[in-house]
Amino acid sequence: MKYTLLISLAFLCVDLSAQKKGQPLVDSLVSELPKMKDDSNKVRFLGLIAQNYMLFNPNEGFVYAENALQLAEKIHWKKGIANIHNNLGLMIGDTGNNVLAREHFEKAMR
């Protein structure tokens, strides 16, 4: 009984995460971009890449967020434009530029 409890606790302590994290996740997401059509799903995908890049390479995250914003404006997807402006506001706010972050939040509210 004691050994069963110890083995059970050992397995509970191990991180058995099956999903990718960090750079491997971003690399796999970026590899899927060329296969996608220019639609709302690609805007969401670019936003997801931008959010994940912000954890370890903020400059690259801003590039993907701007690409998402340009695509959302190109396809005239208002909800996507607002969402990307909100994400840009959050991302820029993390850098300390609260004035520019506020501008993006105001654009998201329109």
PDB file of N, CA and C in Angstrom:
ATOM      1  N   MET A   1       0.832  -1.194   0.000  1.00  0.00           N
ATOM      2  CA  MET A   1       0.000   0.000   0.000  1.00  0.00           C
ATOM      3  C   MET A   1       0.873   1.253   0.000  1.00  0.00           C
ATOM      4  N   LYS A   2       1.927   1.222   0.803  1.00  0.00           N
ATOM      5  CA  LYS A   2       2.810   2.373   0.895  1.00  0.00           C
ATOM      6  C   LYS A   2       3.493   2.647  -0.449  1.00  0.00           C
ATOM      7  N   TYR A   3       3.918   1.583  -1.146  1.00  0.00           N
ATOM      8  CA  TYR A   3       4.584   1.748  -2.430  1.00  0.00           C
ATOM      9  C   TYR A   3       3.628   2.263  -3.506  1.00  0.00           C
ATOM     10  N   THR A   4       2.426   1.818  -3.456  1.00  0.00           N
ATOM     11  CA  THR A   4       1.418   2.284  -4.407  1.00  0.00           C
ATOM     12  C   THR A   4       1.167   3.774  -4.225  1.00  0.00           C
ATOM     13  N   LEU A   5       1.120   4.223  -2.989  1.00  0.00           N
ATOM     14  CA  LEU A   5       0.919   5.642  -2.701  1.00  0.00           C
ATOM     15  C   LEU A   5       2.108   6.465  -3.179  1.00  0.00           C
ATOM     16  N   LEU A   6       3.313   5.988  -2.952  1.00  0.00           N
ATOM     17  CA  LEU A   6       4.514   6.706  -3.392  1.00  0.00           C
ATOM     18  C   LEU A   6       4.596   6.794  -4.915  1.00  0.00           C
ATOM     19  N   ILE A   7       4.275   5.709  -5.580  1.00  0.00           N
ATOM     20  CA  ILE A   7       4.303   5.707  -7.041  1.00  0.00           C
ATOM     21  C   ILE A   7       3.224   6.645  -7.579  1.00  0.00           C
ATOM     22  N   SER A   8       2.058   6.645  -6.982  1.00  0.00           N
ATOM     23  CA  SER A   8       0.981   7.544  -7.404  1.00  0.00           C
ATOM     24  C   SER A   8       1.382   8.998  -7.226  1.00  0.00           C
ATOM     25  N   LEU A   9       2.009   9.331  -6.126  1.00  0.00           N
ATOM     26  CA  LEU A   9       2.468  10.703  -5.887  1.00  0.00           C
ATOM     27  C   LEU A   9       3.553  11.100  -6.871  1.00  0.00           C
ATOM     28  N   ALA A  10       4.420  10.165  -7.218  1.00  0.00           N
ATOM     29  CA  ALA A  10       5.480  10.457  -8.183  1.00  0.00           C
ATOM     30  C   ALA A  10       4.887  10.815  -9.539  1.00  0.00           C
ATOM     31  N   PHE A  11       3.863  10.088  -9.962  1.00  0.00           N
ATOM     32  CA  PHE A  11       3.237  10.396 -11.244  1.00  0.00           C
ATOM     33  C   PHE A  11       2.473  11.710 -11.219  1.00  0.00           C
ATOM     34  N   LEU A  12       1.936  12.079 -10.096  1.00  0.00           N
ATOM     35  CA  LEU A  12       1.217  13.346  -9.989  1.00  0.00           C
ATOM     36  C   LEU A  12       2.166  14.532 -10.068  1.00  0.00           C
ATOM     37  N   CYS A  13       3.385  14.354  -9.659  1.00  0.00           N
ATOM     38  CA  CYS A  13       4.360  15.442  -9.646  1.00  0.00           C
ATOM     39  C   CYS A  13       5.004  15.687 -11.010  1.00  0.00           C
ATOM     40  N   VAL A  14       4.888  14.738 -11.910  1.00  0.00           N
ATOM     41  CA  VAL A  14       5.512  14.850 -13.220  1.00  0.00           C
ATOM     42  C   VAL A  14       4.610  15.672 -14.136  1.00  0.00           C
ATOM     43  N   ASP A  15       5.219  16.599 -14.859  1.00  0.00           N
ATOM     44  CA  ASP A  15       4.467  17.394 -15.831  1.00  0.00           C
ATOM     45  C   ASP A  15       4.312  16.575 -17.106  1.00  0.00           C
ATOM     46  N   LEU A  16       3.120  16.098 -17.351  1.00  0.00           N
ATOM     47  CA  LEU A  16       2.852  15.262 -18.510  1.00  0.00           C
ATOM     48  C   LEU A  16       2.129  16.063 -19.590  1.00  0.00           C
ATOM     49  N   SER A  17       2.586  17.269 -19.823  1.00  0.00           N
ATOM     50  CA  SER A  17       1.948  18.136 -20.803  1.00  0.00           C
ATOM     51  C   SER A  17       2.221  17.626 -22.212  1.00  0.00           C
ATOM     52  N   ALA A  18       1.168  17.391 -22.960  1.00  0.00           N
ATOM     53  CA  ALA A  18       1.313  16.886 -24.319  1.00  0.00           C
ATOM     54  C   ALA A  18       1.351  18.015 -25.339  1.00  0.00           C
ATOM     55  N   GLN A  19       1.062  19.231 -24.903  1.00  0.00           N
ATOM     56  CA  GLN A  19       1.031  20.339 -25.837  1.00  0.00           C
ATOM     57  C   GLN A  19       2.356  21.068 -25.854  1.00  0.00           C
ATOM     58  N   LYS A  20       2.667  21.614 -27.015  1.00  0.00           N
ATOM     59  CA  LYS A  20       3.904  22.359 -27.170  1.00  0.00           C
ATOM     60  C   LYS A  20       3.794  23.692 -26.459  1.00  0.00           C
ATOM     61  N   LYS A  21       4.946  24.229 -26.067  1.00  0.00           N
ATOM     62  CA  LYS A  21       4.993  25.529 -25.405  1.00  0.00           C
ATOM     63  C   LYS A  21       6.164  26.322 -25.962  1.00  0.00           C
ATOM     64  N   GLY A  22       6.076  27.628 -25.866  1.00  0.00           N
ATOM     65  CA  GLY A  22       7.189  28.490 -26.243  1.00  0.00           C
ATOM     66  C   GLY A  22       7.504  28.444 -27.720  1.00  0.00           C
ATOM     67  N   GLN A  23       8.801  28.413 -28.026  1.00  0.00           N
ATOM     68  CA  GLN A  23       9.265  28.467 -29.411  1.00  0.00           C
ATOM     69  C   GLN A  23       8.749  27.303 -30.262  1.00  0.00           C
ATOM     70  N   PRO A  24       8.729  26.054 -29.758  1.00  0.00           N
ATOM     71  CA  PRO A  24       8.184  24.973 -30.603  1.00  0.00           C
ATOM     72  C   PRO A  24       6.718  25.204 -31.008  1.00  0.00           C
ATOM     73  N   LEU A  25       5.919  25.764 -30.102  1.00  0.00           N
ATOM     74  CA  LEU A  25       4.528  26.063 -30.429  1.00  0.00           C
ATOM     75  C   LEU A  25       4.446  27.114 -31.525  1.00  0.00           C
ATOM     76  N   VAL A  26       5.207  28.181 -31.372  1.00  0.00           N
ATOM     77  CA  VAL A  26       5.175  29.258 -32.365  1.00  0.00           C
ATOM     78  C   VAL A  26       5.670  28.756 -33.710  1.00  0.00           C
ATOM     79  N   ASP A  27       6.726  27.952 -33.707  1.00  0.00           N
ATOM     80  CA  ASP A  27       7.241  27.418 -34.964  1.00  0.00           C
ATOM     81  C   ASP A  27       6.201  26.565 -35.684  1.00  0.00           C
ATOM     82  N   SER A  28       5.477  25.756 -34.940  1.00  0.00           N
ATOM     83  CA  SER A  28       4.459  24.919 -35.575  1.00  0.00           C
ATOM     84  C   SER A  28       3.299  25.764 -36.098  1.00  0.00           C
ATOM     85  N   LEU A  29       2.950  26.840 -35.380  1.00  0.00           N
ATOM     86  CA  LEU A  29       1.873  27.724 -35.851  1.00  0.00           C
ATOM     87  C   LEU A  29       2.298  28.474 -37.111  1.00  0.00           C
ATOM     88  N   VAL A  30       3.536  28.962 -37.122  1.00  0.00           N
ATOM     89  CA  VAL A  30       4.035  29.717 -38.278  1.00  0.00           C
ATOM     90  C   VAL A  30       4.108  28.813 -39.509  1.00  0.00           C
ATOM     91  N   SER A  31       4.445  27.549 -39.316  1.00  0.00           N
ATOM     92  CA  SER A  31       4.542  26.640 -40.460  1.00  0.00           C
ATOM     93  C   SER A  31       3.179  26.396 -41.115  1.00  0.00           C
ATOM     94  N   GLU A  32       2.097  26.628 -40.404  1.00  0.00           N
ATOM     95  CA  GLU A  32       0.752  26.434 -40.948  1.00  0.00           C
ATOM     96  C   GLU A  32       0.241  27.654 -41.715  1.00  0.00           C
ATOM     97  N   LEU A  33       0.854  28.816 -41.531  1.00  0.00           N
ATOM     98  CA  LEU A  33       0.351  30.049 -42.156  1.00  0.00           C
ATOM     99  C   LEU A  33       0.254  29.997 -43.679  1.00  0.00           C
ATOM    100  N   PRO A  34       1.275  29.500 -44.388  1.00  0.00           N
ATOM    101  CA  PRO A  34       1.168  29.517 -45.856  1.00  0.00           C
ATOM    102  C   PRO A  34      -0.001  28.697 -46.406  1.00  0.00           C
ATOM    103  N   LYS A  35      -0.489  27.743 -45.650  1.00  0.00           N
ATOM    104  CA  LYS A  35      -1.580  26.880 -46.109  1.00  0.00           C
ATOM    105  C   LYS A  35      -2.947  27.522 -45.935  1.00  0.00           C
ATOM    106  N   MET A  36      -3.022  28.630 -45.209  1.00  0.00           N
ATOM    107  CA  MET A  36      -4.315  29.222 -44.858  1.00  0.00           C
ATOM    108  C   MET A  36      -4.761  30.266 -45.867  1.00  0.00           C
ATOM    109  N   LYS A  37      -6.088  30.362 -46.035  1.00  0.00           N
ATOM    110  CA  LYS A  37      -6.669  31.415 -46.872  1.00  0.00           C
ATOM    111  C   LYS A  37      -6.697  32.715 -46.066  1.00  0.00           C
ATOM    112  N   ASP A  38      -6.791  33.829 -46.773  1.00  0.00           N
ATOM    113  CA  ASP A  38      -6.904  35.128 -46.108  1.00  0.00           C
ATOM    114  C   ASP A  38      -8.341  35.327 -45.634  1.00  0.00           C
ATOM    115  N   ASP A  39      -8.635  34.864 -44.434  1.00  0.00           N
ATOM    116  CA  ASP A  39      -9.960  35.018 -43.858  1.00  0.00           C
ATOM    117  C   ASP A  39      -9.837  35.248 -42.357  1.00  0.00           C
ATOM    118  N   SER A  40     -10.967  35.219 -41.679  1.00  0.00           N
ATOM    119  CA  SER A  40     -10.975  35.517 -40.245  1.00  0.00           C
ATOM    120  C   SER A  40     -10.179  34.494 -39.434  1.00  0.00           C
ATOM    121  N   ASN A  41     -10.140  33.258 -39.895  1.00  0.00           N
ATOM    122  CA  ASN A  41      -9.357  32.250 -39.175  1.00  0.00           C
ATOM    123  C   ASN A  41      -7.869  32.576 -39.200  1.00  0.00           C
ATOM    124  N   LYS A  42      -7.406  33.106 -40.312  1.00  0.00           N
ATOM    125  CA  LYS A  42      -5.990  33.483 -40.403  1.00  0.00           C
ATOM    126  C   LYS A  42      -5.705  34.675 -39.491  1.00  0.00           C
ATOM    127  N   VAL A  43      -6.652  35.596 -39.368  1.00  0.00           N
ATOM    128  CA  VAL A  43      -6.484  36.733 -38.452  1.00  0.00           C
ATOM    129  C   VAL A  43      -6.358  36.221 -37.025  1.00  0.00           C
ATOM    130  N   ARG A  44      -7.230  35.306 -36.636  1.00  0.00           N
ATOM    131  CA  ARG A  44      -7.159  34.716 -35.293  1.00  0.00           C
ATOM    132  C   ARG A  44      -5.828  33.999 -35.079  1.00  0.00           C
ATOM    133  N   PHE A  45      -5.399  33.281 -36.086  1.00  0.00           N
ATOM    134  CA  PHE A  45      -4.158  32.528 -36.020  1.00  0.00           C
ATOM    135  C   PHE A  45      -2.966  33.463 -35.846  1.00  0.00           C
ATOM    136  N   LEU A  46      -2.949  34.554 -36.630  1.00  0.00           N
ATOM    137  CA  LEU A  46      -1.863  35.540 -36.501  1.00  0.00           C
ATOM    138  C   LEU A  46      -1.874  36.175 -35.115  1.00  0.00           C
ATOM    139  N   GLY A  47      -3.062  36.442 -34.582  1.00  0.00           N
ATOM    140  CA  GLY A  47      -3.162  36.993 -33.236  1.00  0.00           C
ATOM    141  C   GLY A  47      -2.645  36.023 -32.189  1.00  0.00           C
ATOM    142  N   LEU A  48      -2.926  34.746 -32.361  1.00  0.00           N
ATOM    143  CA  LEU A  48      -2.429  33.725 -31.447  1.00  0.00           C
ATOM    144  C   LEU A  48      -0.907  33.638 -31.500  1.00  0.00           C
ATOM    145  N   ILE A  49      -0.353  33.716 -32.696  1.00  0.00           N
ATOM    146  CA  ILE A  49       1.106  33.705 -32.839  1.00  0.00           C
ATOM    147  C   ILE A  49       1.704  34.924 -32.146  1.00  0.00           C
ATOM    148  N   ALA A  50       1.090  36.083 -32.341  1.00  0.00           N
ATOM    149  CA  ALA A  50       1.592  37.313 -31.715  1.00  0.00           C
ATOM    150  C   ALA A  50       1.569  37.197 -30.195  1.00  0.00           C
ATOM    151  N   GLN A  51       0.491  36.676 -29.644  1.00  0.00           N
ATOM    152  CA  GLN A  51       0.395  36.535 -28.190  1.00  0.00           C
ATOM    153  C   GLN A  51       1.455  35.591 -27.651  1.00  0.00           C
ATOM    154  N   ASN A  52       1.719  34.502 -28.357  1.00  0.00           N
ATOM    155  CA  ASN A  52       2.723  33.552 -27.890  1.00  0.00           C
ATOM    156  C   ASN A  52       4.138  34.091 -28.053  1.00  0.00           C
ATOM    157  N   TYR A  53       4.381  34.859 -29.113  1.00  0.00           N
ATOM    158  CA  TYR A  53       5.699  35.472 -29.296  1.00  0.00           C
ATOM    159  C   TYR A  53       5.997  36.484 -28.189  1.00  0.00           C
ATOM    160  N   MET A  54       4.963  37.133 -27.680  1.00  0.00           N
ATOM    161  CA  MET A  54       5.191  38.158 -26.651  1.00  0.00           C
ATOM    162  C   MET A  54       5.853  37.593 -25.399  1.00  0.00           C
ATOM    163  N   LEU A  55       5.769  36.305 -25.193  1.00  0.00           N
ATOM    164  CA  LEU A  55       6.356  35.693 -24.005  1.00  0.00           C
ATOM    165  C   LEU A  55       7.876  35.626 -24.065  1.00  0.00           C
ATOM    166  N   PHE A  56       8.437  35.564 -25.290  1.00  0.00           N
ATOM    167  CA  PHE A  56       9.890  35.436 -25.373  1.00  0.00           C
ATOM    168  C   PHE A  56      10.535  36.299 -26.450  1.00  0.00           C
ATOM    169  N   ASN A  57       9.777  36.875 -27.367  1.00  0.00           N
ATOM    170  CA  ASN A  57      10.328  37.754 -28.392  1.00  0.00           C
ATOM    171  C   ASN A  57       9.290  38.809 -28.768  1.00  0.00           C
ATOM    172  N   PRO A  58       9.146  39.848 -27.926  1.00  0.00           N
ATOM    173  CA  PRO A  58       8.082  40.838 -28.162  1.00  0.00           C
ATOM    174  C   PRO A  58       8.148  41.525 -29.522  1.00  0.00           C
ATOM    175  N   ASN A  59       9.336  41.807 -30.018  1.00  0.00           N
ATOM    176  CA  ASN A  59       9.431  42.494 -31.310  1.00  0.00           C
ATOM    177  C   ASN A  59       8.789  41.685 -32.428  1.00  0.00           C
ATOM    178  N   GLU A  60       9.005  40.391 -32.425  1.00  0.00           N
ATOM    179  CA  GLU A  60       8.395  39.526 -33.434  1.00  0.00           C
ATOM    180  C   GLU A  60       6.881  39.431 -33.215  1.00  0.00           C
ATOM    181  N   GLY A  61       6.458  39.506 -31.971  1.00  0.00           N
ATOM    182  CA  GLY A  61       5.041  39.489 -31.663  1.00  0.00           C
ATOM    183  C   GLY A  61       4.308  40.681 -32.264  1.00  0.00           C
ATOM    184  N   PHE A  62       4.960  41.850 -32.210  1.00  0.00           N
ATOM    185  CA  PHE A  62       4.345  43.042 -32.795  1.00  0.00           C
ATOM    186  C   PHE A  62       4.217  42.911 -34.311  1.00  0.00           C
ATOM    187  N   VAL A  63       5.177  42.267 -34.952  1.00  0.00           N
ATOM    188  CA  VAL A  63       5.117  42.078 -36.405  1.00  0.00           C
ATOM    189  C   VAL A  63       3.887  41.250 -36.780  1.00  0.00           C
ATOM    190  N   TYR A  64       3.669  40.163 -36.066  1.00  0.00           N
ATOM    191  CA  TYR A  64       2.520  39.310 -36.375  1.00  0.00           C
ATOM    192  C   TYR A  64       1.203  39.997 -36.009  1.00  0.00           C
ATOM    193  N   ALA A  65       1.192  40.792 -34.969  1.00  0.00           N
ATOM    194  CA  ALA A  65      -0.023  41.528 -34.610  1.00  0.00           C
ATOM    195  C   ALA A  65      -0.357  42.559 -35.690  1.00  0.00           C
ATOM    196  N   GLU A  66       0.654  43.236 -36.199  1.00  0.00           N
ATOM    197  CA  GLU A  66       0.417  44.205 -37.280  1.00  0.00           C
ATOM    198  C   GLU A  66      -0.071  43.503 -38.544  1.00  0.00           C
ATOM    199  N   ASN A  67       0.486  42.331 -38.842  1.00  0.00           N
ATOM    200  CA  ASN A  67       0.014  41.561 -40.000  1.00  0.00           C
ATOM    201  C   ASN A  67      -1.444  41.152 -39.817  1.00  0.00           C
ATOM    202  N   ALA A  68      -1.795  40.768 -38.607  1.00  0.00           N
ATOM    203  CA  ALA A  68      -3.185  40.403 -38.324  1.00  0.00           C
ATOM    204  C   ALA A  68      -4.106  41.600 -38.507  1.00  0.00           C
ATOM    205  N   LEU A  69      -3.667  42.760 -38.046  1.00  0.00           N
ATOM    206  CA  LEU A  69      -4.471  43.976 -38.180  1.00  0.00           C
ATOM    207  C   LEU A  69      -4.659  44.348 -39.650  1.00  0.00           C
ATOM    208  N   GLN A  70      -3.593  44.257 -40.429  1.00  0.00           N
ATOM    209  CA  GLN A  70      -3.696  44.575 -41.857  1.00  0.00           C
ATOM    210  C   GLN A  70      -4.653  43.628 -42.570  1.00  0.00           C
ATOM    211  N   LEU A  71      -4.576  42.336 -42.238  1.00  0.00           N
ATOM    212  CA  LEU A  71      -5.472  41.370 -42.872  1.00  0.00           C
ATOM    213  C   LEU A  71      -6.918  41.594 -42.446  1.00  0.00           C
ATOM    214  N   ALA A  72      -7.145  41.888 -41.181  1.00  0.00           N
ATOM    215  CA  ALA A  72      -8.505  42.146 -40.698  1.00  0.00           C
ATOM    216  C   ALA A  72      -9.100  43.375 -41.393  1.00  0.00           C
ATOM    217  N   GLU A  73      -8.274  44.399 -41.608  1.00  0.00           N
ATOM    218  CA  GLU A  73      -8.757  45.587 -42.314  1.00  0.00           C
ATOM    219  C   GLU A  73      -9.000  45.271 -43.789  1.00  0.00           C
ATOM    220  N   LYS A  74      -8.165  44.444 -44.377  1.00  0.00           N
ATOM    221  CA  LYS A  74      -8.312  44.080 -45.791  1.00  0.00           C
ATOM    222  C   LYS A  74      -9.620  43.337 -46.037  1.00  0.00           C
ATOM    223  N   ILE A  75      -9.994  42.447 -45.118  1.00  0.00           N
ATOM    224  CA  ILE A  75     -11.228  41.678 -45.311  1.00  0.00           C
ATOM    225  C   ILE A  75     -12.437  42.351 -44.642  1.00  0.00           C
ATOM    226  N   HIS A  76     -12.225  43.535 -44.078  1.00  0.00           N
ATOM    227  CA  HIS A  76     -13.278  44.341 -43.452  1.00  0.00           C
ATOM    228  C   HIS A  76     -13.993  43.598 -42.330  1.00  0.00           C
ATOM    229  N   TRP A  77     -13.212  42.970 -41.453  1.00  0.00           N
ATOM    230  CA  TRP A  77     -13.756  42.222 -40.321  1.00  0.00           C
ATOM    231  C   TRP A  77     -13.646  43.079 -39.069  1.00  0.00           C
ATOM    232  N   LYS A  78     -14.739  43.760 -38.729  1.00  0.00           N
ATOM    233  CA  LYS A  78     -14.729  44.731 -37.635  1.00  0.00           C
ATOM    234  C   LYS A  78     -14.407  44.110 -36.283  1.00  0.00           C
ATOM    235  N   LYS A  79     -14.968  42.946 -35.998  1.00  0.00           N
ATOM    236  CA  LYS A  79     -14.692  42.294 -34.717  1.00  0.00           C
ATOM    237  C   LYS A  79     -13.208  41.919 -34.608  1.00  0.00           C
ATOM    238  N   GLY A  80     -12.635  41.460 -35.698  1.00  0.00           N
ATOM    239  CA  GLY A  80     -11.217  41.117 -35.715  1.00  0.00           C
ATOM    240  C   GLY A  80     -10.333  42.342 -35.534  1.00  0.00           C
ATOM    241  N   ILE A  81     -10.707  43.437 -36.155  1.00  0.00           N
ATOM    242  CA  ILE A  81      -9.942  44.684 -36.010  1.00  0.00           C
ATOM    243  C   ILE A  81      -9.964  45.119 -34.551  1.00  0.00           C
ATOM    244  N   ALA A  82     -11.133  45.080 -33.938  1.00  0.00           N
ATOM    245  CA  ALA A  82     -11.245  45.475 -32.531  1.00  0.00           C
ATOM    246  C   ALA A  82     -10.430  44.550 -31.635  1.00  0.00           C
ATOM    247  N   ASN A  83     -10.488  43.268 -31.904  1.00  0.00           N
ATOM    248  CA  ASN A  83      -9.755  42.299 -31.093  1.00  0.00           C
ATOM    249  C   ASN A  83      -8.242  42.507 -31.210  1.00  0.00           C
ATOM    250  N   ILE A  84      -7.761  42.731 -32.411  1.00  0.00           N
ATOM    251  CA  ILE A  84      -6.317  42.939 -32.605  1.00  0.00           C
ATOM    252  C   ILE A  84      -5.888  44.256 -31.974  1.00  0.00           C
ATOM    253  N   HIS A  85      -6.698  45.314 -32.089  1.00  0.00           N
ATOM    254  CA  HIS A  85      -6.352  46.574 -31.412  1.00  0.00           C
ATOM    255  C   HIS A  85      -6.289  46.365 -29.896  1.00  0.00           C
ATOM    256  N   ASN A  86      -7.210  45.590 -29.363  1.00  0.00           N
ATOM    257  CA  ASN A  86      -7.183  45.308 -27.931  1.00  0.00           C
ATOM    258  C   ASN A  86      -5.906  44.548 -27.558  1.00  0.00           C
ATOM    259  N   ASN A  87      -5.566  43.531 -28.349  1.00  0.00           N
ATOM    260  CA  ASN A  87      -4.338  42.778 -28.089  1.00  0.00           C
ATOM    261  C   ASN A  87      -3.103  43.660 -28.206  1.00  0.00           C
ATOM    262  N   LEU A  88      -3.090  44.538 -29.208  1.00  0.00           N
ATOM    263  CA  LEU A  88      -1.955  45.455 -29.340  1.00  0.00           C
ATOM    264  C   LEU A  88      -1.873  46.386 -28.135  1.00  0.00           C
ATOM    265  N   GLY A  89      -3.020  46.838 -27.648  1.00  0.00           N
ATOM    266  CA  GLY A  89      -3.021  47.673 -26.450  1.00  0.00           C
ATOM    267  C   GLY A  89      -2.437  46.939 -25.256  1.00  0.00           C
ATOM    268  N   LEU A  90      -2.802  45.687 -25.088  1.00  0.00           N
ATOM    269  CA  LEU A  90      -2.254  44.892 -23.991  1.00  0.00           C
ATOM    270  C   LEU A  90      -0.755  44.668 -24.158  1.00  0.00           C
ATOM    271  N   MET A  91      -0.352  44.355 -25.373  1.00  0.00           N
ATOM    272  CA  MET A  91       1.059  44.080 -25.635  1.00  0.00           C
ATOM    273  C   MET A  91       1.909  45.331 -25.454  1.00  0.00           C
ATOM    274  N   ILE A  92       1.433  46.451 -25.977  1.00  0.00           N
ATOM    275  CA  ILE A  92       2.181  47.706 -25.852  1.00  0.00           C
ATOM    276  C   ILE A  92       2.171  48.186 -24.409  1.00  0.00           C
ATOM    277  N   GLY A  93       1.066  47.978 -23.710  1.00  0.00           N
ATOM    278  CA  GLY A  93       1.005  48.349 -22.300  1.00  0.00           C
ATOM    279  C   GLY A  93       2.037  47.605 -21.469  1.00  0.00           C
ATOM    280  N   ASP A  94       2.333  46.376 -21.844  1.00  0.00           N
ATOM    281  CA  ASP A  94       3.360  45.610 -21.134  1.00  0.00           C
ATOM    282  C   ASP A  94       4.753  46.195 -21.321  1.00  0.00           C
ATOM    283  N   THR A  95       4.955  46.944 -22.403  1.00  0.00           N
ATOM    284  CA  THR A  95       6.261  47.567 -22.625  1.00  0.00           C
ATOM    285  C   THR A  95       6.387  48.884 -21.865  1.00  0.00           C
ATOM    286  N   GLY A  96       5.289  49.391 -21.343  1.00  0.00           N
ATOM    287  CA  GLY A  96       5.318  50.627 -20.570  1.00  0.00           C
ATOM    288  C   GLY A  96       4.843  51.857 -21.333  1.00  0.00           C
ATOM    289  N   ASN A  97       4.541  51.721 -22.604  1.00  0.00           N
ATOM    290  CA  ASN A  97       4.069  52.843 -23.400  1.00  0.00           C
ATOM    291  C   ASN A  97       2.549  52.933 -23.267  1.00  0.00           C
ATOM    292  N   ASN A  98       2.105  53.509 -22.171  1.00  0.00           N
ATOM    293  CA  ASN A  98       0.674  53.546 -21.874  1.00  0.00           C
ATOM    294  C   ASN A  98      -0.107  54.486 -22.787  1.00  0.00           C
ATOM    295  N   VAL A  99       0.540  55.512 -23.315  1.00  0.00           N
ATOM    296  CA  VAL A  99      -0.144  56.449 -24.208  1.00  0.00           C
ATOM    297  C   VAL A  99      -0.549  55.728 -25.499  1.00  0.00           C
ATOM    298  N   LEU A 100       0.396  55.021 -26.101  1.00  0.00           N
ATOM    299  CA  LEU A 100       0.096  54.289 -27.338  1.00  0.00           C
ATOM    300  C   LEU A 100      -0.866  53.135 -27.061  1.00  0.00           C
ATOM    301  N   ALA A 101      -0.724  52.500 -25.911  1.00  0.00           N
ATOM    302  CA  ALA A 101      -1.641  51.412 -25.545  1.00  0.00           C
ATOM    303  C   ALA A 101      -3.063  51.943 -25.448  1.00  0.00           C
ATOM    304  N   ARG A 102      -3.225  53.113 -24.861  1.00  0.00           N
ATOM    305  CA  ARG A 102      -4.560  53.708 -24.736  1.00  0.00           C
ATOM    306  C   ARG A 102      -5.160  54.009 -26.104  1.00  0.00           C
ATOM    307  N   GLU A 103      -4.333  54.456 -27.051  1.00  0.00           N
ATOM    308  CA  GLU A 103      -4.827  54.722 -28.398  1.00  0.00           C
ATOM    309  C   GLU A 103      -5.402  53.450 -29.028  1.00  0.00           C
ATOM    310  N   HIS A 104      -4.708  52.338 -28.831  1.00  0.00           N
ATOM    311  CA  HIS A 104      -5.202  51.081 -29.379  1.00  0.00           C
ATOM    312  C   HIS A 104      -6.487  50.629 -28.677  1.00  0.00           C
ATOM    313  N   PHE A 105      -6.569  50.853 -27.374  1.00  0.00           N
ATOM    314  CA  PHE A 105      -7.796  50.506 -26.639  1.00  0.00           C
ATOM    315  C   PHE A 105      -8.976  51.360 -27.129  1.00  0.00           C
ATOM    316  N   GLU A 106      -8.722  52.630 -27.414  1.00  0.00           N
ATOM    317  CA  GLU A 106      -9.787  53.497 -27.906  1.00  0.00           C
ATOM    318  C   GLU A 106     -10.231  53.064 -29.308  1.00  0.00           C
ATOM    319  N   LYS A 107      -9.276  52.655 -30.144  1.00  0.00           N
ATOM    320  CA  LYS A 107      -9.632  52.160 -31.472  1.00  0.00           C
ATOM    321  C   LYS A 107     -10.442  50.872 -31.374  1.00  0.00           C
ATOM    322  N   ALA A 108     -10.129  50.056 -30.369  1.00  0.00           N
ATOM    323  CA  ALA A 108     -10.859  48.807 -30.182  1.00  0.00           C
ATOM    324  C   ALA A 108     -12.308  49.071 -29.766  1.00  0.00           C
ATOM    325  N   MET A 109     -12.548  50.182 -29.097  1.00  0.00           N
ATOM    326  CA  MET A 109     -13.898  50.508 -28.638  1.00  0.00           C
ATOM    327  C   MET A 109     -14.790  51.059 -29.737  1.00  0.00           C
ATOM    328  N   ARG A 110     -14.206  51.506 -30.841  1.00  0.00           N
ATOM    329  CA  ARG A 110     -15.005  52.092 -31.926  1.00  0.00           C
ATOM    330  C   ARG A 110     -15.783  51.076 -32.670  1.00  0.00           C
TER     331      ARG A 110
END
